[in-house]
Amino acid sequence: KGLKVDRRLEEHFGDMMIESLDIPFF
């Protein structure tokens, strides 16, 4: 279903935006 993966990504990365990360990321 992918619900576990969705919950874990949200738990650990929350509402982080790529542009706001300390190091340029892709």
PDB file of all heavy atoms in Angstrom:
ATOM      1  N   LYS A   1       0.816  -1.209   0.000  1.00  0.00           N
ATOM      2  CA  LYS A   1       0.000   0.000   0.000  1.00  0.00           C
ATOM      3  C   LYS A   1       0.852   1.262   0.000  1.00  0.00           C
ATOM      4  O   LYS A   1       0.437   2.305  -0.515  1.00  0.00           O
ATOM      5  CB  LYS A   1      -0.927   0.002   1.206  1.00  0.00           C
ATOM      6  CG  LYS A   1      -1.902  -1.168   1.243  1.00  0.00           C
ATOM      7  CD  LYS A   1      -2.705  -1.151   2.529  1.00  0.00           C
ATOM      8  CE  LYS A   1      -3.646  -2.356   2.612  1.00  0.00           C
ATOM      9  NZ  LYS A   1      -4.392  -2.392   3.897  1.00  0.00           N
ATOM     10  N   GLY A   2       2.021   1.195   0.633  1.00  0.00           N
ATOM     11  CA  GLY A   2       2.897   2.361   0.691  1.00  0.00           C
ATOM     12  C   GLY A   2       2.604   3.304   1.828  1.00  0.00           C
ATOM     13  O   GLY A   2       3.282   4.320   1.984  1.00  0.00           O
ATOM     14  N   LEU A   3       1.627   2.955   2.659  1.00  0.00           N
ATOM     15  CA  LEU A   3       1.265   3.857   3.755  1.00  0.00           C
ATOM     16  C   LEU A   3       2.366   3.931   4.805  1.00  0.00           C
ATOM     17  O   LEU A   3       2.611   4.990   5.394  1.00  0.00           O
ATOM     18  CB  LEU A   3      -0.051   3.408   4.383  1.00  0.00           C
ATOM     19  CG  LEU A   3      -1.269   3.422   3.447  1.00  0.00           C
ATOM     20  CD1 LEU A   3      -2.513   2.925   4.180  1.00  0.00           C
ATOM     21  CD2 LEU A   3      -1.499   4.826   2.902  1.00  0.00           C
ATOM     22  N   LYS A   4       3.039   2.788   5.045  1.00  0.00           N
ATOM     23  CA  LYS A   4       4.137   2.797   6.010  1.00  0.00           C
ATOM     24  C   LYS A   4       5.268   3.717   5.547  1.00  0.00           C
ATOM     25  O   LYS A   4       5.818   4.495   6.335  1.00  0.00           O
ATOM     26  CB  LYS A   4       4.676   1.379   6.202  1.00  0.00           C
ATOM     27  CG  LYS A   4       3.819   0.477   7.089  1.00  0.00           C
ATOM     28  CD  LYS A   4       4.561  -0.820   7.371  1.00  0.00           C
ATOM     29  CE  LYS A   4       3.783  -1.682   8.356  1.00  0.00           C
ATOM     30  NZ  LYS A   4       4.509  -2.936   8.675  1.00  0.00           N
ATOM     31  N   VAL A   5       5.610   3.613   4.289  1.00  0.00           N
ATOM     32  CA  VAL A   5       6.669   4.461   3.753  1.00  0.00           C
ATOM     33  C   VAL A   5       6.273   5.925   3.845  1.00  0.00           C
ATOM     34  O   VAL A   5       7.074   6.776   4.256  1.00  0.00           O
ATOM     35  CB  VAL A   5       6.977   4.071   2.293  1.00  0.00           C
ATOM     36  CG1 VAL A   5       7.932   5.078   1.659  1.00  0.00           C
ATOM     37  CG2 VAL A   5       7.569   2.675   2.219  1.00  0.00           C
ATOM     38  N   ASP A   6       5.039   6.241   3.511  1.00  0.00           N
ATOM     39  CA  ASP A   6       4.565   7.628   3.575  1.00  0.00           C
ATOM     40  C   ASP A   6       4.686   8.178   4.994  1.00  0.00           C
ATOM     41  O   ASP A   6       5.158   9.303   5.199  1.00  0.00           O
ATOM     42  CB  ASP A   6       3.108   7.716   3.105  1.00  0.00           C
ATOM     43  CG  ASP A   6       2.955   7.435   1.623  1.00  0.00           C
ATOM     44  OD1 ASP A   6       3.972   7.493   0.900  1.00  0.00           O
ATOM     45  OD2 ASP A   6       1.829   7.159   1.183  1.00  0.00           O
ATOM     46  N   ARG A   7       4.249   7.375   5.972  1.00  0.00           N
ATOM     47  CA  ARG A   7       4.286   7.841   7.367  1.00  0.00           C
ATOM     48  C   ARG A   7       5.715   8.055   7.843  1.00  0.00           C
ATOM     49  O   ARG A   7       6.000   9.025   8.567  1.00  0.00           O
ATOM     50  CB  ARG A   7       3.572   6.836   8.270  1.00  0.00           C
ATOM     51  CG  ARG A   7       2.047   6.878   8.157  1.00  0.00           C
ATOM     52  CD  ARG A   7       1.404   6.155   9.323  1.00  0.00           C
ATOM     53  NE  ARG A   7       1.732   4.736   9.320  1.00  0.00           N
ATOM     54  CZ  ARG A   7       0.992   3.791   8.743  1.00  0.00           C
ATOM     55  NH1 ARG A   7      -0.113   4.125   8.096  1.00  0.00           N
ATOM     56  NH2 ARG A   7       1.355   2.522   8.800  1.00  0.00           N
ATOM     57  N   ARG A   8       6.623   7.169   7.437  1.00  0.00           N
ATOM     58  CA  ARG A   8       8.005   7.289   7.909  1.00  0.00           C
ATOM     59  C   ARG A   8       8.721   8.466   7.262  1.00  0.00           C
ATOM     60  O   ARG A   8       9.510   9.147   7.921  1.00  0.00           O
ATOM     61  CB  ARG A   8       8.744   5.979   7.640  1.00  0.00           C
ATOM     62  CG  ARG A   8       8.181   4.873   8.516  1.00  0.00           C
ATOM     63  CD  ARG A   8       8.769   3.517   8.219  1.00  0.00           C
ATOM     64  NE  ARG A   8       7.965   2.487   8.894  1.00  0.00           N
ATOM     65  CZ  ARG A   8       8.345   1.231   9.051  1.00  0.00           C
ATOM     66  NH1 ARG A   8       9.511   0.843   8.600  1.00  0.00           N
ATOM     67  NH2 ARG A   8       7.560   0.378   9.659  1.00  0.00           N
ATOM     68  N   LEU A   9       8.457   8.701   6.018  1.00  0.00           N
ATOM     69  CA  LEU A   9       9.048   9.882   5.386  1.00  0.00           C
ATOM     70  C   LEU A   9       8.532  11.160   6.025  1.00  0.00           C
ATOM     71  O   LEU A   9       9.288  12.117   6.245  1.00  0.00           O
ATOM     72  CB  LEU A   9       8.753   9.881   3.885  1.00  0.00           C
ATOM     73  CG  LEU A   9       9.458   8.805   3.050  1.00  0.00           C
ATOM     74  CD1 LEU A   9       8.983   8.869   1.601  1.00  0.00           C
ATOM     75  CD2 LEU A   9      10.974   8.959   3.110  1.00  0.00           C
ATOM     76  N   GLU A  10       7.252  11.184   6.346  1.00  0.00           N
ATOM     77  CA  GLU A  10       6.693  12.371   6.992  1.00  0.00           C
ATOM     78  C   GLU A  10       7.248  12.538   8.401  1.00  0.00           C
ATOM     79  O   GLU A  10       7.535  13.658   8.843  1.00  0.00           O
ATOM     80  CB  GLU A  10       5.170  12.275   7.041  1.00  0.00           C
ATOM     81  CG  GLU A  10       4.512  13.515   7.638  1.00  0.00           C
ATOM     82  CD  GLU A  10       3.005  13.468   7.542  1.00  0.00           C
ATOM     83  OE1 GLU A  10       2.456  12.400   7.165  1.00  0.00           O
ATOM     84  OE2 GLU A  10       2.362  14.493   7.853  1.00  0.00           O
ATOM     85  N   GLU A  11       7.409  11.419   9.127  1.00  0.00           N
ATOM     86  CA  GLU A  11       7.927  11.492  10.494  1.00  0.00           C
ATOM     87  C   GLU A  11       9.332  12.073  10.538  1.00  0.00           C
ATOM     88  O   GLU A  11       9.658  12.880  11.424  1.00  0.00           O
ATOM     89  CB  GLU A  11       7.935  10.086  11.114  1.00  0.00           C
ATOM     90  CG  GLU A  11       8.563  10.034  12.512  1.00  0.00           C
ATOM     91  CD  GLU A  11       8.693   8.616  13.044  1.00  0.00           C
ATOM     92  OE1 GLU A  11       8.234   7.661  12.366  1.00  0.00           O
ATOM     93  OE2 GLU A  11       9.268   8.457  14.136  1.00  0.00           O
ATOM     94  N   HIS A  12      10.180  11.679   9.590  1.00  0.00           N
ATOM     95  CA  HIS A  12      11.589  12.062   9.677  1.00  0.00           C
ATOM     96  C   HIS A  12      11.941  13.312   8.866  1.00  0.00           C
ATOM     97  O   HIS A  12      12.894  14.015   9.214  1.00  0.00           O
ATOM     98  CB  HIS A  12      12.461  10.883   9.241  1.00  0.00           C
ATOM     99  CG  HIS A  12      12.372   9.713  10.175  1.00  0.00           C
ATOM    100  ND1 HIS A  12      12.991   9.680  11.390  1.00  0.00           N
ATOM    101  CD2 HIS A  12      11.680   8.533  10.071  1.00  0.00           C
ATOM    102  CE1 HIS A  12      12.726   8.537  12.005  1.00  0.00           C
ATOM    103  NE2 HIS A  12      11.929   7.828  11.234  1.00  0.00           N
ATOM    104  N   PHE A  13      11.192  13.597   7.823  1.00  0.00           N
ATOM    105  CA  PHE A  13      11.527  14.769   7.011  1.00  0.00           C
ATOM    106  C   PHE A  13      10.477  15.868   7.088  1.00  0.00           C
ATOM    107  O   PHE A  13      10.725  16.981   6.624  1.00  0.00           O
ATOM    108  CB  PHE A  13      11.750  14.348   5.547  1.00  0.00           C
ATOM    109  CG  PHE A  13      12.939  13.441   5.369  1.00  0.00           C
ATOM    110  CD1 PHE A  13      12.772  12.084   5.165  1.00  0.00           C
ATOM    111  CD2 PHE A  13      14.219  13.955   5.434  1.00  0.00           C
ATOM    112  CE1 PHE A  13      13.864  11.233   5.002  1.00  0.00           C
ATOM    113  CE2 PHE A  13      15.329  13.122   5.276  1.00  0.00           C
ATOM    114  CZ  PHE A  13      15.149  11.762   5.066  1.00  0.00           C
ATOM    115  N   GLY A  14       9.326  15.549   7.675  1.00  0.00           N
ATOM    116  CA  GLY A  14       8.316  16.561   7.929  1.00  0.00           C
ATOM    117  C   GLY A  14       8.011  17.427   6.723  1.00  0.00           C
ATOM    118  O   GLY A  14       7.769  16.936   5.626  1.00  0.00           O
ATOM    119  N   ASP A  15       8.052  18.743   6.950  1.00  0.00           N
ATOM    120  CA  ASP A  15       7.748  19.693   5.886  1.00  0.00           C
ATOM    121  C   ASP A  15       9.010  20.364   5.328  1.00  0.00           C
ATOM    122  O   ASP A  15       8.960  21.488   4.804  1.00  0.00           O
ATOM    123  CB  ASP A  15       6.790  20.769   6.409  1.00  0.00           C
ATOM    124  CG  ASP A  15       5.418  20.202   6.732  1.00  0.00           C
ATOM    125  OD1 ASP A  15       5.015  19.239   6.046  1.00  0.00           O
ATOM    126  OD2 ASP A  15       4.767  20.708   7.663  1.00  0.00           O
ATOM    127  N   MET A  16      10.138  19.688   5.454  1.00  0.00           N
ATOM    128  CA  MET A  16      11.380  20.244   4.910  1.00  0.00           C
ATOM    129  C   MET A  16      11.233  20.490   3.413  1.00  0.00           C
ATOM    130  O   MET A  16      10.710  19.652   2.683  1.00  0.00           O
ATOM    131  CB  MET A  16      12.552  19.277   5.128  1.00  0.00           C
ATOM    132  CG  MET A  16      13.010  19.105   6.543  1.00  0.00           C
ATOM    133  SD  MET A  16      14.476  18.011   6.565  1.00  0.00           S
ATOM    134  CE  MET A  16      14.730  17.855   8.337  1.00  0.00           C
ATOM    135  N   MET A  17      11.738  21.635   2.969  1.00  0.00           N
ATOM    136  CA  MET A  17      11.785  21.950   1.545  1.00  0.00           C
ATOM    137  C   MET A  17      13.214  21.740   1.042  1.00  0.00           C
ATOM    138  O   MET A  17      14.183  22.033   1.744  1.00  0.00           O
ATOM    139  CB  MET A  17      11.351  23.396   1.305  1.00  0.00           C
ATOM    140  CG  MET A  17       9.963  23.731   1.841  1.00  0.00           C
ATOM    141  SD  MET A  17       8.649  22.780   1.036  1.00  0.00           S
ATOM    142  CE  MET A  17       8.654  23.507  -0.605  1.00  0.00           C
ATOM    143  N   ILE A  18      13.337  21.244  -0.154  1.00  0.00           N
ATOM    144  CA  ILE A  18      14.661  20.975  -0.711  1.00  0.00           C
ATOM    145  C   ILE A  18      15.506  22.245  -0.738  1.00  0.00           C
ATOM    146  O   ILE A  18      16.703  22.219  -0.417  1.00  0.00           O
ATOM    147  CB  ILE A  18      14.523  20.380  -2.128  1.00  0.00           C
ATOM    148  CG1 ILE A  18      13.902  18.979  -2.053  1.00  0.00           C
ATOM    149  CG2 ILE A  18      15.879  20.314  -2.824  1.00  0.00           C
ATOM    150  CD1 ILE A  18      13.633  18.352  -3.404  1.00  0.00           C
ATOM    151  N   GLU A  19      14.895  23.385  -1.078  1.00  0.00           N
ATOM    152  CA  GLU A  19      15.650  24.637  -1.184  1.00  0.00           C
ATOM    153  C   GLU A  19      16.176  25.122   0.162  1.00  0.00           C
ATOM    154  O   GLU A  19      17.091  25.949   0.201  1.00  0.00           O
ATOM    155  CB  GLU A  19      14.785  25.746  -1.785  1.00  0.00           C
ATOM    156  CG  GLU A  19      14.142  25.396  -3.103  1.00  0.00           C
ATOM    157  CD  GLU A  19      12.723  24.862  -2.929  1.00  0.00           C
ATOM    158  OE1 GLU A  19      12.524  23.974  -2.069  1.00  0.00           O
ATOM    159  OE2 GLU A  19      11.830  25.326  -3.639  1.00  0.00           O
ATOM    160  N   SER A  20      15.598  24.613   1.268  1.00  0.00           N
ATOM    161  CA  SER A  20      15.999  25.081   2.588  1.00  0.00           C
ATOM    162  C   SER A  20      17.044  24.193   3.245  1.00  0.00           C
ATOM    163  O   SER A  20      17.490  24.487   4.360  1.00  0.00           O
ATOM    164  CB  SER A  20      14.765  25.176   3.506  1.00  0.00           C
ATOM    165  OG  SER A  20      13.831  26.107   2.991  1.00  0.00           O
ATOM    166  N   LEU A  21      17.438  23.114   2.609  1.00  0.00           N
ATOM    167  CA  LEU A  21      18.428  22.212   3.184  1.00  0.00           C
ATOM    168  C   LEU A  21      19.783  22.893   3.287  1.00  0.00           C
ATOM    169  O   LEU A  21      20.114  23.785   2.506  1.00  0.00           O
ATOM    170  CB  LEU A  21      18.541  20.943   2.334  1.00  0.00           C
ATOM    171  CG  LEU A  21      17.279  20.070   2.296  1.00  0.00           C
ATOM    172  CD1 LEU A  21      17.445  18.949   1.257  1.00  0.00           C
ATOM    173  CD2 LEU A  21      16.973  19.484   3.665  1.00  0.00           C
ATOM    174  N   ASP A  22      20.582  22.459   4.258  1.00  0.00           N
ATOM    175  CA  ASP A  22      21.888  23.080   4.491  1.00  0.00           C
ATOM    176  C   ASP A  22      22.796  22.984   3.268  1.00  0.00           C
ATOM    177  O   ASP A  22      23.567  23.897   2.971  1.00  0.00           O
ATOM    178  CB  ASP A  22      22.584  22.404   5.682  1.00  0.00           C
ATOM    179  CG  ASP A  22      21.909  22.713   7.010  1.00  0.00           C
ATOM    180  OD1 ASP A  22      20.948  23.510   7.016  1.00  0.00           O
ATOM    181  OD2 ASP A  22      22.336  22.162   8.041  1.00  0.00           O
ATOM    182  N   ILE A  23      22.730  21.841   2.579  1.00  0.00           N
ATOM    183  CA  ILE A  23      23.611  21.574   1.445  1.00  0.00           C
ATOM    184  C   ILE A  23      22.754  21.412   0.195  1.00  0.00           C
ATOM    185  O   ILE A  23      21.708  20.746   0.249  1.00  0.00           O
ATOM    186  CB  ILE A  23      24.435  20.288   1.691  1.00  0.00           C
ATOM    187  CG1 ILE A  23      25.301  20.451   2.944  1.00  0.00           C
ATOM    188  CG2 ILE A  23      25.294  19.948   0.485  1.00  0.00           C
ATOM    189  CD1 ILE A  23      26.031  19.180   3.341  1.00  0.00           C
ATOM    190  N   PRO A  24      23.149  21.996  -0.937  1.00  0.00           N
ATOM    191  CA  PRO A  24      22.386  21.796  -2.175  1.00  0.00           C
ATOM    192  C   PRO A  24      22.184  20.309  -2.470  1.00  0.00           C
ATOM    193  O   PRO A  24      23.132  19.524  -2.461  1.00  0.00           O
ATOM    194  CB  PRO A  24      23.260  22.473  -3.238  1.00  0.00           C
ATOM    195  CG  PRO A  24      24.006  23.523  -2.476  1.00  0.00           C
ATOM    196  CD  PRO A  24      24.278  22.929  -1.126  1.00  0.00           C
ATOM    197  N   PHE A  25      20.928  19.942  -2.759  1.00  0.00           N
ATOM    198  CA  PHE A  25      20.535  18.526  -2.836  1.00  0.00           C
ATOM    199  C   PHE A  25      19.684  18.284  -4.079  1.00  0.00           C
ATOM    200  O   PHE A  25      18.971  19.172  -4.547  1.00  0.00           O
ATOM    201  CB  PHE A  25      19.736  18.164  -1.586  1.00  0.00           C
ATOM    202  CG  PHE A  25      18.963  16.862  -1.679  1.00  0.00           C
ATOM    203  CD1 PHE A  25      19.571  15.655  -1.391  1.00  0.00           C
ATOM    204  CD2 PHE A  25      17.623  16.857  -2.057  1.00  0.00           C
ATOM    205  CE1 PHE A  25      18.868  14.461  -1.487  1.00  0.00           C
ATOM    206  CE2 PHE A  25      16.916  15.672  -2.156  1.00  0.00           C
ATOM    207  CZ  PHE A  25      17.536  14.471  -1.877  1.00  0.00           C
ATOM    208  N   PHE A  26      19.755  17.051  -4.586  1.00  0.00           N
ATOM    209  CA  PHE A  26      18.829  16.625  -5.628  1.00  0.00           C
ATOM    210  C   PHE A  26      18.560  15.132  -5.481  1.00  0.00           C
ATOM    211  O   PHE A  26      19.355  14.381  -4.902  1.00  0.00           O
ATOM    212  CB  PHE A  26      19.395  16.902  -7.025  1.00  0.00           C
ATOM    213  CG  PHE A  26      20.456  15.910  -7.444  1.00  0.00           C
ATOM    214  CD1 PHE A  26      20.125  14.778  -8.185  1.00  0.00           C
ATOM    215  CD2 PHE A  26      21.786  16.096  -7.086  1.00  0.00           C
ATOM    216  CE1 PHE A  26      21.099  13.858  -8.554  1.00  0.00           C
ATOM    217  CE2 PHE A  26      22.758  15.183  -7.449  1.00  0.00           C
ATOM    218  CZ  PHE A  26      22.411  14.054  -8.191  1.00  0.00           C
TER     219      PHE A  26
END
